[in-house]
Amino acid sequence: MQYTKSMIDQIFLIRKIVPTPARTQVKLTNPQLLDLLADLYLEVEDLLLRDLIHQLMTMAGPAWITRLQSAQEERNHHQHVYRGHAIEATTPPAPPPSAPKEKTVIYRGHIIVTPN
């Protein structure tokens, strides 16, 4: 892919902010750079980094934007948002079947059990 001057500047900004383990792979010589950044976009929680990657993908073309959006929709499908925080969607375990409970009543200091 041919990078424009603004795309190169954007990549250098992203490289400064990206977490240390991925920093070695964020290079202009990396042929899978945009694929790596698209995967990184879903993994990081840093809003500034996500915004920079989104701007770079906008400069790269509509195919990259649709890839980011489809991956984001897939990620959101498995998450719930509660007060601005993303929570993994899990199904609560079903409660075990229980025997009918007996009603316990205390009358004048004595326990009285009455079946329902």
N, C-alpha and C. Protein backbone atom coordinates (compact mmCIF):
# COMPACT_ATOMS: atom_id res chain seq x y z
N MET A 1 0.84 -1.17 0.00
CA MET A 1 0.00 0.00 0.00
C MET A 1 0.88 1.23 0.00
N GLN A 2 0.48 2.23 -0.74
CA GLN A 2 1.19 3.50 -0.79
C GLN A 2 0.71 4.39 0.36
N TYR A 3 1.64 4.81 1.20
CA TYR A 3 1.29 5.68 2.32
C TYR A 3 1.49 7.14 1.92
N THR A 4 0.56 7.97 2.30
CA THR A 4 0.70 9.40 2.06
C THR A 4 1.47 10.02 3.24
N LYS A 5 1.84 11.28 3.10
CA LYS A 5 2.59 11.96 4.16
C LYS A 5 1.77 12.02 5.45
N SER A 6 0.48 12.30 5.34
CA SER A 6 -0.35 12.38 6.54
C SER A 6 -0.51 11.00 7.19
N MET A 7 -0.55 9.94 6.39
CA MET A 7 -0.64 8.59 6.95
C MET A 7 0.64 8.22 7.69
N ILE A 8 1.79 8.62 7.13
CA ILE A 8 3.07 8.33 7.77
C ILE A 8 3.17 9.06 9.11
N ASP A 9 2.75 10.32 9.14
CA ASP A 9 2.75 11.08 10.39
C ASP A 9 1.84 10.42 11.42
N GLN A 10 0.69 9.94 10.96
CA GLN A 10 -0.26 9.28 11.85
C GLN A 10 0.34 7.99 12.42
N ILE A 11 1.04 7.24 11.60
CA ILE A 11 1.68 5.99 12.05
C ILE A 11 2.75 6.29 13.10
N PHE A 12 3.51 7.38 12.90
CA PHE A 12 4.51 7.74 13.90
C PHE A 12 3.87 8.14 15.23
N LEU A 13 2.74 8.82 15.18
CA LEU A 13 2.01 9.16 16.41
C LEU A 13 1.50 7.89 17.09
N ILE A 14 0.98 6.97 16.31
CA ILE A 14 0.48 5.71 16.87
C ILE A 14 1.61 4.93 17.50
N ARG A 15 2.77 4.91 16.85
CA ARG A 15 3.92 4.16 17.37
C ARG A 15 4.36 4.69 18.73
N LYS A 16 4.23 5.99 18.97
CA LYS A 16 4.62 6.57 20.25
C LYS A 16 3.68 6.14 21.38
N ILE A 17 2.42 5.92 21.05
CA ILE A 17 1.41 5.64 22.07
C ILE A 17 1.17 4.15 22.29
N VAL A 18 1.46 3.35 21.27
CA VAL A 18 1.13 1.92 21.32
C VAL A 18 1.86 1.23 22.48
N PRO A 19 1.24 0.22 23.12
CA PRO A 19 1.91 -0.50 24.21
C PRO A 19 3.23 -1.12 23.75
N THR A 20 4.15 -1.26 24.67
CA THR A 20 5.51 -1.70 24.36
C THR A 20 5.59 -3.02 23.60
N PRO A 21 4.84 -4.07 23.92
CA PRO A 21 5.00 -5.33 23.17
C PRO A 21 4.67 -5.19 21.68
N ALA A 22 3.74 -4.34 21.33
CA ALA A 22 3.35 -4.20 19.93
C ALA A 22 4.17 -3.14 19.21
N ARG A 23 4.92 -2.35 19.96
CA ARG A 23 5.66 -1.24 19.34
C ARG A 23 6.69 -1.72 18.33
N THR A 24 7.28 -2.89 18.55
CA THR A 24 8.30 -3.39 17.63
C THR A 24 7.71 -3.78 16.28
N GLN A 25 6.42 -4.07 16.25
CA GLN A 25 5.79 -4.49 14.99
C GLN A 25 5.18 -3.33 14.23
N VAL A 26 5.02 -2.17 14.87
CA VAL A 26 4.43 -1.01 14.20
C VAL A 26 5.55 -0.29 13.46
N LYS A 27 5.77 -0.69 12.21
CA LYS A 27 6.81 -0.12 11.35
C LYS A 27 6.23 0.06 9.96
N LEU A 28 6.74 1.01 9.24
CA LEU A 28 6.29 1.23 7.87
C LEU A 28 6.69 0.07 6.96
N THR A 29 7.72 -0.65 7.33
CA THR A 29 8.17 -1.76 6.50
C THR A 29 7.37 -3.03 6.72
N ASN A 30 6.52 -3.05 7.73
CA ASN A 30 5.70 -4.22 8.03
C ASN A 30 4.55 -4.28 7.00
N PRO A 31 4.49 -5.34 6.19
CA PRO A 31 3.43 -5.42 5.18
C PRO A 31 2.03 -5.63 5.77
N GLN A 32 1.95 -6.16 6.98
CA GLN A 32 0.66 -6.37 7.64
C GLN A 32 0.39 -5.29 8.69
N LEU A 33 0.90 -4.08 8.47
CA LEU A 33 0.77 -3.02 9.46
C LEU A 33 -0.70 -2.66 9.72
N LEU A 34 -1.47 -2.48 8.68
CA LEU A 34 -2.86 -2.09 8.87
C LEU A 34 -3.69 -3.23 9.49
N ASP A 35 -3.36 -4.46 9.15
CA ASP A 35 -4.03 -5.59 9.80
C ASP A 35 -3.70 -5.63 11.29
N LEU A 36 -2.45 -5.40 11.62
CA LEU A 36 -2.02 -5.37 13.02
C LEU A 36 -2.73 -4.26 13.78
N LEU A 37 -2.83 -3.09 13.17
CA LEU A 37 -3.49 -1.97 13.84
C LEU A 37 -4.99 -2.20 13.97
N ALA A 38 -5.59 -2.88 13.02
CA ALA A 38 -7.01 -3.20 13.12
C ALA A 38 -7.26 -4.15 14.28
N ASP A 39 -6.38 -5.13 14.47
CA ASP A 39 -6.51 -6.04 15.61
C ASP A 39 -6.23 -5.32 16.93
N LEU A 40 -5.25 -4.43 16.90
CA LEU A 40 -4.90 -3.67 18.09
C LEU A 40 -6.03 -2.72 18.49
N TYR A 41 -6.76 -2.23 17.52
CA TYR A 41 -7.89 -1.33 17.76
C TYR A 41 -8.92 -1.99 18.66
N LEU A 42 -9.13 -3.27 18.48
CA LEU A 42 -10.11 -3.99 19.29
C LEU A 42 -9.59 -4.35 20.68
N GLU A 43 -8.29 -4.48 20.82
CA GLU A 43 -7.71 -4.95 22.07
C GLU A 43 -7.50 -3.84 23.09
N VAL A 44 -7.14 -2.64 22.64
CA VAL A 44 -6.77 -1.59 23.58
C VAL A 44 -7.99 -0.84 24.08
N GLU A 45 -7.86 -0.26 25.24
CA GLU A 45 -8.94 0.53 25.84
C GLU A 45 -8.62 2.03 25.77
N ASP A 46 -7.39 2.38 25.37
CA ASP A 46 -6.97 3.78 25.30
C ASP A 46 -7.74 4.48 24.17
N LEU A 47 -8.55 5.46 24.54
CA LEU A 47 -9.39 6.14 23.55
C LEU A 47 -8.59 6.96 22.56
N LEU A 48 -7.48 7.55 23.00
CA LEU A 48 -6.65 8.32 22.09
C LEU A 48 -6.05 7.42 21.01
N LEU A 49 -5.52 6.29 21.42
CA LEU A 49 -4.94 5.35 20.46
C LEU A 49 -6.00 4.83 19.50
N ARG A 50 -7.17 4.52 20.02
CA ARG A 50 -8.25 4.04 19.15
C ARG A 50 -8.65 5.11 18.13
N ASP A 51 -8.70 6.36 18.57
CA ASP A 51 -9.06 7.44 17.67
C ASP A 51 -7.99 7.63 16.59
N LEU A 52 -6.73 7.55 16.96
CA LEU A 52 -5.65 7.68 15.97
C LEU A 52 -5.70 6.55 14.94
N ILE A 53 -5.96 5.34 15.41
CA ILE A 53 -6.05 4.21 14.48
C ILE A 53 -7.26 4.38 13.57
N HIS A 54 -8.37 4.86 14.12
CA HIS A 54 -9.57 5.07 13.31
C HIS A 54 -9.31 6.13 12.24
N GLN A 55 -8.60 7.20 12.58
CA GLN A 55 -8.26 8.24 11.60
C GLN A 55 -7.36 7.68 10.51
N LEU A 56 -6.41 6.83 10.89
CA LEU A 56 -5.52 6.22 9.90
C LEU A 56 -6.30 5.33 8.95
N MET A 57 -7.22 4.55 9.48
CA MET A 57 -8.03 3.68 8.63
C MET A 57 -8.94 4.50 7.71
N THR A 58 -9.37 5.66 8.18
CA THR A 58 -10.17 6.54 7.32
C THR A 58 -9.34 7.02 6.15
N MET A 59 -8.07 7.34 6.42
CA MET A 59 -7.17 7.77 5.33
C MET A 59 -6.85 6.60 4.40
N ALA A 60 -6.83 5.38 4.92
CA ALA A 60 -6.47 4.22 4.12
C ALA A 60 -7.55 3.85 3.12
N GLY A 61 -8.80 4.14 3.44
CA GLY A 61 -9.87 3.85 2.49
C GLY A 61 -11.08 3.23 3.14
N PRO A 62 -12.19 3.17 2.38
CA PRO A 62 -13.44 2.67 2.94
C PRO A 62 -13.41 1.18 3.31
N ALA A 63 -12.58 0.40 2.64
CA ALA A 63 -12.51 -1.03 2.96
C ALA A 63 -11.99 -1.24 4.38
N TRP A 64 -11.05 -0.41 4.81
CA TRP A 64 -10.50 -0.54 6.15
C TRP A 64 -11.49 -0.06 7.21
N ILE A 65 -12.26 0.95 6.87
CA ILE A 65 -13.28 1.44 7.81
C ILE A 65 -14.35 0.37 8.03
N THR A 66 -14.80 -0.27 6.95
CA THR A 66 -15.81 -1.32 7.10
C THR A 66 -15.25 -2.50 7.90
N ARG A 67 -13.97 -2.77 7.75
CA ARG A 67 -13.36 -3.86 8.52
C ARG A 67 -13.36 -3.52 10.01
N LEU A 68 -13.03 -2.28 10.34
CA LEU A 68 -13.05 -1.86 11.74
C LEU A 68 -14.47 -1.91 12.31
N GLN A 69 -15.43 -1.45 11.52
CA GLN A 69 -16.81 -1.42 12.00
C GLN A 69 -17.37 -2.82 12.20
N SER A 70 -17.07 -3.73 11.27
CA SER A 70 -17.58 -5.10 11.42
C SER A 70 -16.94 -5.79 12.61
N ALA A 71 -15.65 -5.56 12.83
CA ALA A 71 -14.98 -6.16 13.98
C ALA A 71 -15.52 -5.56 15.28
N GLN A 72 -15.80 -4.24 15.26
CA GLN A 72 -16.34 -3.59 16.45
C GLN A 72 -17.74 -4.11 16.77
N GLU A 73 -18.56 -4.32 15.75
CA GLU A 73 -19.90 -4.85 15.96
C GLU A 73 -19.84 -6.26 16.54
N GLU A 74 -18.90 -7.04 16.05
CA GLU A 74 -18.75 -8.40 16.58
C GLU A 74 -18.32 -8.36 18.03
N ARG A 75 -17.44 -7.43 18.36
CA ARG A 75 -16.99 -7.30 19.74
C ARG A 75 -18.12 -6.82 20.63
N ASN A 76 -18.90 -5.86 20.17
CA ASN A 76 -20.01 -5.33 20.96
C ASN A 76 -21.12 -6.35 21.13
N HIS A 77 -21.22 -7.29 20.21
CA HIS A 77 -22.24 -8.32 20.33
C HIS A 77 -22.04 -9.16 21.57
N HIS A 78 -20.78 -9.28 22.00
CA HIS A 78 -20.46 -10.11 23.15
C HIS A 78 -20.27 -9.30 24.43
N GLN A 79 -20.63 -8.00 24.39
CA GLN A 79 -20.43 -7.17 25.56
C GLN A 79 -21.70 -6.40 25.89
N HIS A 80 -21.83 -6.10 27.14
CA HIS A 80 -22.88 -5.21 27.61
C HIS A 80 -22.19 -3.95 28.12
N VAL A 81 -22.81 -2.81 27.94
CA VAL A 81 -22.25 -1.58 28.45
C VAL A 81 -23.10 -1.13 29.63
N TYR A 82 -22.44 -0.95 30.75
CA TYR A 82 -23.12 -0.53 31.96
C TYR A 82 -22.39 0.70 32.48
N ARG A 83 -23.07 1.83 32.46
CA ARG A 83 -22.52 3.10 32.92
C ARG A 83 -21.19 3.42 32.26
N GLY A 84 -21.11 3.18 30.97
CA GLY A 84 -19.92 3.54 30.21
C GLY A 84 -18.81 2.51 30.23
N HIS A 85 -18.99 1.42 30.96
CA HIS A 85 -17.96 0.38 31.02
C HIS A 85 -18.46 -0.85 30.29
N ALA A 86 -17.59 -1.43 29.48
CA ALA A 86 -17.94 -2.64 28.74
C ALA A 86 -17.74 -3.85 29.65
N ILE A 87 -18.75 -4.69 29.73
CA ILE A 87 -18.71 -5.89 30.55
C ILE A 87 -18.97 -7.08 29.64
N GLU A 88 -18.14 -8.10 29.77
CA GLU A 88 -18.33 -9.29 28.96
C GLU A 88 -19.71 -9.89 29.22
N ALA A 89 -20.38 -10.25 28.16
CA ALA A 89 -21.72 -10.82 28.29
C ALA A 89 -21.59 -12.28 28.68
N THR A 90 -22.09 -12.60 29.82
CA THR A 90 -22.09 -13.99 30.26
C THR A 90 -23.51 -14.34 30.71
N THR A 91 -23.84 -15.57 30.54
CA THR A 91 -25.15 -16.00 31.00
C THR A 91 -25.00 -16.45 32.44
N PRO A 92 -25.86 -15.99 33.30
CA PRO A 92 -25.74 -16.41 34.69
C PRO A 92 -26.07 -17.88 34.83
N PRO A 93 -25.39 -18.56 35.75
CA PRO A 93 -25.68 -19.98 35.92
C PRO A 93 -27.10 -20.16 36.47
N ALA A 94 -27.73 -21.21 36.02
CA ALA A 94 -29.09 -21.49 36.47
C ALA A 94 -29.03 -21.95 37.93
N PRO A 95 -29.94 -21.45 38.75
CA PRO A 95 -29.92 -21.89 40.15
C PRO A 95 -30.31 -23.36 40.25
N PRO A 96 -29.69 -24.06 41.16
CA PRO A 96 -30.02 -25.48 41.30
C PRO A 96 -31.45 -25.64 41.80
N PRO A 97 -32.12 -26.69 41.36
CA PRO A 97 -33.48 -26.89 41.84
C PRO A 97 -33.46 -27.16 43.34
N SER A 98 -34.35 -26.50 44.02
CA SER A 98 -34.35 -26.65 45.47
C SER A 98 -35.67 -27.26 45.93
N ALA A 99 -35.59 -27.88 47.06
CA ALA A 99 -36.79 -28.48 47.65
C ALA A 99 -37.69 -27.34 48.14
N PRO A 100 -38.98 -27.59 48.25
CA PRO A 100 -39.86 -26.55 48.76
C PRO A 100 -39.39 -26.10 50.14
N LYS A 101 -39.28 -24.82 50.29
CA LYS A 101 -38.78 -24.29 51.55
C LYS A 101 -39.89 -24.28 52.59
N GLU A 102 -39.46 -24.55 53.80
CA GLU A 102 -40.40 -24.49 54.92
C GLU A 102 -40.31 -23.10 55.53
N LYS A 103 -41.43 -22.61 55.93
CA LYS A 103 -41.48 -21.30 56.53
C LYS A 103 -41.14 -21.44 58.02
N THR A 104 -40.14 -20.69 58.43
CA THR A 104 -39.72 -20.73 59.82
C THR A 104 -40.25 -19.49 60.52
N VAL A 105 -40.95 -19.72 61.61
CA VAL A 105 -41.52 -18.63 62.38
C VAL A 105 -41.02 -18.75 63.80
N ILE A 106 -40.64 -17.63 64.36
CA ILE A 106 -40.22 -17.62 65.76
C ILE A 106 -41.34 -16.96 66.55
N TYR A 107 -41.88 -17.71 67.52
CA TYR A 107 -42.98 -17.21 68.34
C TYR A 107 -42.57 -17.32 69.80
N ARG A 108 -42.45 -16.19 70.46
CA ARG A 108 -42.07 -16.11 71.87
C ARG A 108 -40.80 -16.88 72.16
N GLY A 109 -39.80 -16.73 71.25
CA GLY A 109 -38.50 -17.35 71.48
C GLY A 109 -38.39 -18.79 71.04
N HIS A 110 -39.48 -19.39 70.57
CA HIS A 110 -39.45 -20.77 70.11
C HIS A 110 -39.58 -20.80 68.59
N ILE A 111 -38.83 -21.68 67.93
CA ILE A 111 -38.89 -21.82 66.47
C ILE A 111 -40.04 -22.74 66.14
N ILE A 112 -40.92 -22.25 65.27
CA ILE A 112 -42.07 -23.03 64.83
C ILE A 112 -41.93 -23.20 63.33
N VAL A 113 -41.92 -24.44 62.83
CA VAL A 113 -41.80 -24.74 61.41
C VAL A 113 -43.15 -25.08 60.88
N THR A 114 -43.56 -24.33 59.86
CA THR A 114 -44.87 -24.61 59.24
C THR A 114 -44.64 -24.91 57.77
N PRO A 115 -45.10 -26.04 57.28
CA PRO A 115 -44.95 -26.35 55.85
C PRO A 115 -45.85 -25.46 55.01
N ASN A 116 -45.37 -25.15 53.80
CA ASN A 116 -46.17 -24.34 52.87
C ASN A 116 -47.11 -25.17 52.07
